[in-house]
């Protein structure tokens, strides 16, 4: 299942409109629409917000194609599968990856 379909499923499950979800995330309904129609990628930061707001299991978004995920994939290819870690451990690693990706 594509990431946009997962997000739409959980948005509807939470009885949220695209507008309401966009507002909660600091974006527009059009932004959410583009993601749900798979016309726009999802950054790791956006994925983490969606996971928190929509209560999506981490592995559903982190096991799909996320924009700029090459660094994350390389990390896990070397050190192991993220799905085997607890949610707390996954979040710590994602924060670490975000820090490492920032330009110095």
N, C-alpha and C. Protein backbone atom coordinates (compact mmCIF):
# COMPACT_ATOMS: atom_id res chain seq x y z
N UNK A 1 0.84 -1.18 0.00
CA UNK A 1 0.00 0.00 0.00
C UNK A 1 0.89 1.24 0.00
N UNK A 2 0.55 2.22 -0.83
CA UNK A 2 1.35 3.45 -0.91
C UNK A 2 1.10 4.33 0.31
N UNK A 3 2.10 5.15 0.60
CA UNK A 3 2.05 5.99 1.81
C UNK A 3 0.82 6.90 1.84
N UNK A 4 0.44 7.46 0.70
CA UNK A 4 -0.72 8.35 0.65
C UNK A 4 -2.01 7.64 1.05
N UNK A 5 -2.13 6.40 0.62
CA UNK A 5 -3.33 5.62 0.96
C UNK A 5 -3.37 5.29 2.45
N UNK A 6 -2.22 5.03 3.02
CA UNK A 6 -2.14 4.75 4.46
C UNK A 6 -2.57 5.99 5.25
N UNK A 7 -2.05 7.14 4.86
CA UNK A 7 -2.37 8.38 5.55
C UNK A 7 -3.87 8.69 5.44
N UNK A 8 -4.42 8.54 4.25
CA UNK A 8 -5.85 8.80 4.05
C UNK A 8 -6.70 7.86 4.93
N UNK A 9 -6.32 6.59 4.95
CA UNK A 9 -7.06 5.60 5.76
C UNK A 9 -7.08 6.01 7.23
N UNK A 10 -5.93 6.40 7.77
CA UNK A 10 -5.87 6.77 9.18
C UNK A 10 -6.49 8.14 9.44
N UNK A 11 -6.43 9.06 8.49
CA UNK A 11 -7.10 10.36 8.65
C UNK A 11 -8.61 10.12 8.77
N UNK A 12 -9.14 9.30 7.87
CA UNK A 12 -10.58 9.00 7.90
C UNK A 12 -10.95 8.23 9.17
N UNK A 13 -10.08 7.33 9.58
CA UNK A 13 -10.31 6.55 10.81
C UNK A 13 -10.41 7.48 12.02
N UNK A 14 -9.66 8.59 11.98
CA UNK A 14 -9.67 9.58 13.06
C UNK A 14 -10.73 10.67 12.85
N UNK A 15 -11.58 10.47 11.84
CA UNK A 15 -12.67 11.43 11.53
C UNK A 15 -12.16 12.86 11.34
N UNK A 16 -11.06 12.99 10.61
CA UNK A 16 -10.49 14.31 10.33
C UNK A 16 -10.63 14.62 8.85
N UNK A 17 -10.95 15.86 8.55
CA UNK A 17 -10.94 16.31 7.16
C UNK A 17 -9.49 16.63 6.78
N UNK A 18 -9.25 16.77 5.48
CA UNK A 18 -7.92 17.18 5.04
C UNK A 18 -7.58 18.54 5.61
N UNK A 19 -8.57 19.40 5.66
CA UNK A 19 -8.36 20.75 6.19
C UNK A 19 -7.97 20.70 7.67
N UNK A 20 -8.69 19.90 8.46
CA UNK A 20 -8.40 19.79 9.89
C UNK A 20 -7.01 19.22 10.13
N UNK A 21 -6.66 18.16 9.40
CA UNK A 21 -5.33 17.57 9.56
C UNK A 21 -4.25 18.56 9.14
N UNK A 22 -4.47 19.23 8.03
CA UNK A 22 -3.51 20.22 7.58
C UNK A 22 -3.29 21.31 8.62
N UNK A 23 -4.37 21.78 9.22
CA UNK A 23 -4.27 22.82 10.24
C UNK A 23 -3.47 22.33 11.45
N UNK A 24 -3.71 21.10 11.86
CA UNK A 24 -2.99 20.52 13.00
C UNK A 24 -1.49 20.43 12.72
N UNK A 25 -1.15 20.27 11.44
CA UNK A 25 0.26 20.10 11.06
C UNK A 25 0.90 21.40 10.60
N UNK A 26 0.10 22.48 10.49
CA UNK A 26 0.64 23.74 10.01
C UNK A 26 0.72 23.79 8.49
N UNK A 27 -0.15 23.05 7.83
CA UNK A 27 -0.19 23.00 6.37
C UNK A 27 -1.62 23.23 5.89
N UNK A 28 -1.79 23.21 4.59
CA UNK A 28 -3.11 23.40 4.00
C UNK A 28 -3.74 22.05 3.65
N UNK A 29 -5.04 22.11 3.35
CA UNK A 29 -5.74 20.92 2.88
C UNK A 29 -5.14 20.44 1.56
N UNK A 30 -4.70 21.38 0.73
CA UNK A 30 -4.08 21.03 -0.56
C UNK A 30 -2.81 20.21 -0.35
N UNK A 31 -2.03 20.55 0.67
CA UNK A 31 -0.81 19.81 1.00
C UNK A 31 -1.16 18.36 1.34
N UNK A 32 -2.18 18.19 2.18
CA UNK A 32 -2.61 16.84 2.58
C UNK A 32 -3.13 16.08 1.36
N UNK A 33 -3.89 16.76 0.52
CA UNK A 33 -4.43 16.13 -0.69
C UNK A 33 -3.31 15.62 -1.59
N UNK A 34 -2.27 16.41 -1.76
CA UNK A 34 -1.14 15.99 -2.61
C UNK A 34 -0.45 14.75 -2.03
N UNK A 35 -0.30 14.71 -0.73
CA UNK A 35 0.32 13.55 -0.08
C UNK A 35 -0.56 12.31 -0.26
N UNK A 36 -1.87 12.48 0.02
CA UNK A 36 -2.77 11.33 -0.06
C UNK A 36 -2.92 10.80 -1.48
N UNK A 37 -2.72 11.65 -2.47
CA UNK A 37 -2.81 11.20 -3.86
C UNK A 37 -1.44 10.77 -4.40
N UNK A 38 -0.47 10.70 -3.51
CA UNK A 38 0.90 10.28 -3.83
C UNK A 38 1.55 11.17 -4.89
N UNK A 39 1.15 12.43 -4.92
CA UNK A 39 1.76 13.40 -5.83
C UNK A 39 2.85 14.21 -5.14
N UNK A 40 2.97 14.03 -3.84
CA UNK A 40 4.00 14.71 -3.05
C UNK A 40 4.57 13.72 -2.06
N UNK A 41 5.87 13.73 -1.93
CA UNK A 41 6.52 12.85 -0.97
C UNK A 41 6.34 13.34 0.45
N UNK A 42 6.74 12.53 1.38
CA UNK A 42 6.63 12.85 2.81
C UNK A 42 8.02 12.83 3.41
N UNK A 43 8.41 13.93 4.03
CA UNK A 43 9.71 13.98 4.71
C UNK A 43 9.62 13.18 6.00
N UNK A 44 10.75 12.90 6.59
CA UNK A 44 10.77 12.17 7.85
C UNK A 44 10.09 12.99 8.94
N UNK A 45 10.30 14.29 8.92
CA UNK A 45 9.67 15.17 9.92
C UNK A 45 8.15 15.11 9.79
N UNK A 46 7.65 15.21 8.54
CA UNK A 46 6.21 15.13 8.31
C UNK A 46 5.68 13.77 8.71
N UNK A 47 6.41 12.71 8.38
CA UNK A 47 5.98 11.36 8.75
C UNK A 47 5.85 11.22 10.26
N UNK A 48 6.80 11.78 11.00
CA UNK A 48 6.73 11.70 12.46
C UNK A 48 5.52 12.45 13.00
N UNK A 49 5.20 13.61 12.40
CA UNK A 49 4.00 14.34 12.82
C UNK A 49 2.74 13.53 12.54
N UNK A 50 2.68 12.92 11.35
CA UNK A 50 1.52 12.12 10.98
C UNK A 50 1.36 10.92 11.90
N UNK A 51 2.46 10.27 12.23
CA UNK A 51 2.44 9.12 13.13
C UNK A 51 1.84 9.52 14.48
N UNK A 52 2.26 10.68 14.97
CA UNK A 52 1.79 11.14 16.28
C UNK A 52 0.32 11.56 16.24
N UNK A 53 -0.05 12.37 15.25
CA UNK A 53 -1.41 12.90 15.18
C UNK A 53 -2.43 11.81 14.86
N UNK A 54 -2.11 10.97 13.87
CA UNK A 54 -3.07 9.97 13.40
C UNK A 54 -2.95 8.62 14.10
N UNK A 55 -1.95 8.51 14.98
CA UNK A 55 -1.71 7.25 15.70
C UNK A 55 -1.48 6.09 14.73
N UNK A 56 -0.62 6.37 13.75
CA UNK A 56 -0.25 5.35 12.75
C UNK A 56 0.92 4.55 13.31
N UNK A 57 0.87 3.24 13.26
CA UNK A 57 2.03 2.45 13.68
C UNK A 57 3.27 2.85 12.87
N UNK A 58 4.37 3.06 13.57
CA UNK A 58 5.61 3.55 12.93
C UNK A 58 5.98 2.77 11.68
N UNK A 59 5.89 1.46 11.75
CA UNK A 59 6.37 0.65 10.65
C UNK A 59 5.59 0.87 9.36
N UNK A 60 4.35 1.34 9.45
CA UNK A 60 3.56 1.54 8.24
C UNK A 60 4.09 2.70 7.40
N UNK A 61 4.58 3.75 8.05
CA UNK A 61 5.14 4.87 7.29
C UNK A 61 6.63 4.72 7.08
N UNK A 62 7.30 4.13 8.02
CA UNK A 62 8.76 4.03 7.92
C UNK A 62 9.19 2.89 7.02
N UNK A 63 8.26 2.04 6.62
CA UNK A 63 8.57 0.93 5.73
C UNK A 63 8.15 1.24 4.30
N UNK A 64 7.83 2.52 4.02
CA UNK A 64 7.42 2.93 2.69
C UNK A 64 8.41 3.95 2.16
N UNK A 65 8.21 4.42 0.96
CA UNK A 65 9.13 5.39 0.38
C UNK A 65 8.87 6.77 0.94
N UNK A 66 9.81 7.27 1.71
CA UNK A 66 9.74 8.60 2.28
C UNK A 66 10.80 9.44 1.61
N UNK A 67 10.45 10.66 1.26
CA UNK A 67 11.41 11.56 0.62
C UNK A 67 12.69 11.62 1.43
N UNK A 68 13.82 11.59 0.74
CA UNK A 68 15.14 11.66 1.36
C UNK A 68 15.41 10.49 2.31
N UNK A 69 14.84 9.34 2.00
CA UNK A 69 15.00 8.20 2.89
C UNK A 69 16.26 7.39 2.59
N UNK A 70 17.03 7.78 1.60
CA UNK A 70 18.23 7.01 1.25
C UNK A 70 19.17 6.90 2.44
N UNK A 71 19.36 8.00 3.18
CA UNK A 71 20.24 7.98 4.35
C UNK A 71 19.71 7.02 5.39
N UNK A 72 18.42 7.04 5.61
CA UNK A 72 17.80 6.14 6.59
C UNK A 72 17.97 4.70 6.14
N UNK A 73 17.69 4.43 4.87
CA UNK A 73 17.83 3.06 4.37
C UNK A 73 19.26 2.56 4.49
N UNK A 74 20.23 3.40 4.15
CA UNK A 74 21.63 3.01 4.28
C UNK A 74 21.98 2.70 5.73
N UNK A 75 21.48 3.53 6.64
CA UNK A 75 21.74 3.32 8.06
C UNK A 75 21.22 1.96 8.50
N UNK A 76 19.97 1.66 8.14
CA UNK A 76 19.37 0.41 8.59
C UNK A 76 19.92 -0.80 7.86
N UNK A 77 20.39 -0.62 6.64
CA UNK A 77 21.04 -1.73 5.94
C UNK A 77 22.31 -2.13 6.67
N UNK A 78 22.97 -1.16 7.29
CA UNK A 78 24.21 -1.45 8.01
C UNK A 78 23.96 -1.94 9.43
N UNK A 79 22.93 -1.40 10.08
CA UNK A 79 22.76 -1.65 11.51
C UNK A 79 21.54 -2.47 11.88
N UNK A 80 20.67 -2.79 10.93
CA UNK A 80 19.53 -3.64 11.25
C UNK A 80 18.21 -3.04 10.85
N UNK A 81 17.19 -3.84 10.95
CA UNK A 81 15.84 -3.49 10.53
C UNK A 81 15.14 -2.69 11.61
N UNK A 82 14.66 -1.51 11.25
CA UNK A 82 13.98 -0.62 12.21
C UNK A 82 12.73 -1.27 12.79
N UNK A 83 12.10 -2.14 12.03
CA UNK A 83 10.85 -2.75 12.50
C UNK A 83 11.07 -3.67 13.70
N UNK A 84 12.30 -4.06 13.95
CA UNK A 84 12.59 -4.93 15.09
C UNK A 84 12.78 -4.14 16.38
N UNK A 85 12.81 -2.82 16.27
CA UNK A 85 13.02 -1.96 17.43
C UNK A 85 11.69 -1.49 18.01
N UNK A 86 11.73 -1.06 19.26
CA UNK A 86 10.53 -0.49 19.87
C UNK A 86 10.26 0.88 19.25
N UNK A 87 9.06 1.39 19.43
CA UNK A 87 8.70 2.71 18.90
C UNK A 87 9.63 3.78 19.45
N UNK A 88 9.96 3.69 20.72
CA UNK A 88 10.86 4.68 21.35
C UNK A 88 12.25 4.62 20.71
N UNK A 89 12.75 3.42 20.49
CA UNK A 89 14.07 3.26 19.86
C UNK A 89 14.05 3.78 18.42
N UNK A 90 12.97 3.52 17.70
CA UNK A 90 12.84 4.01 16.32
C UNK A 90 12.90 5.53 16.29
N UNK A 91 12.18 6.17 17.21
CA UNK A 91 12.16 7.63 17.26
C UNK A 91 13.53 8.21 17.57
N UNK A 92 14.26 7.58 18.48
CA UNK A 92 15.60 8.05 18.82
C UNK A 92 16.51 7.97 17.59
N UNK A 93 16.44 6.88 16.87
CA UNK A 93 17.28 6.73 15.68
C UNK A 93 16.88 7.72 14.60
N UNK A 94 15.60 7.95 14.41
CA UNK A 94 15.16 8.92 13.41
C UNK A 94 15.62 10.33 13.77
N UNK A 95 15.60 10.66 15.05
CA UNK A 95 16.12 11.97 15.47
C UNK A 95 17.61 12.07 15.18
N UNK A 96 18.34 11.01 15.44
CA UNK A 96 19.77 10.98 15.15
C UNK A 96 20.02 11.16 13.67
N UNK A 97 19.28 10.48 12.84
CA UNK A 97 19.42 10.61 11.39
C UNK A 97 19.14 12.04 10.95
N UNK A 98 18.09 12.65 11.52
CA UNK A 98 17.78 14.05 11.19
C UNK A 98 18.96 14.97 11.52
N UNK A 99 19.57 14.76 12.68
CA UNK A 99 20.72 15.58 13.09
C UNK A 99 21.89 15.38 12.12
N UNK A 100 22.14 14.13 11.75
CA UNK A 100 23.26 13.84 10.85
C UNK A 100 23.04 14.39 9.46
N UNK A 101 21.79 14.54 9.03
CA UNK A 101 21.50 15.04 7.69
C UNK A 101 21.62 16.55 7.57
N UNK A 102 21.58 17.26 8.70
CA UNK A 102 21.62 18.73 8.65
C UNK A 102 22.99 19.19 8.17
N UNK A 103 22.99 20.20 7.27
CA UNK A 103 24.27 20.72 6.82
C UNK A 103 25.02 21.39 7.95
N UNK A 104 26.32 21.30 7.88
CA UNK A 104 27.14 21.91 8.96
C UNK A 104 27.80 23.14 8.46
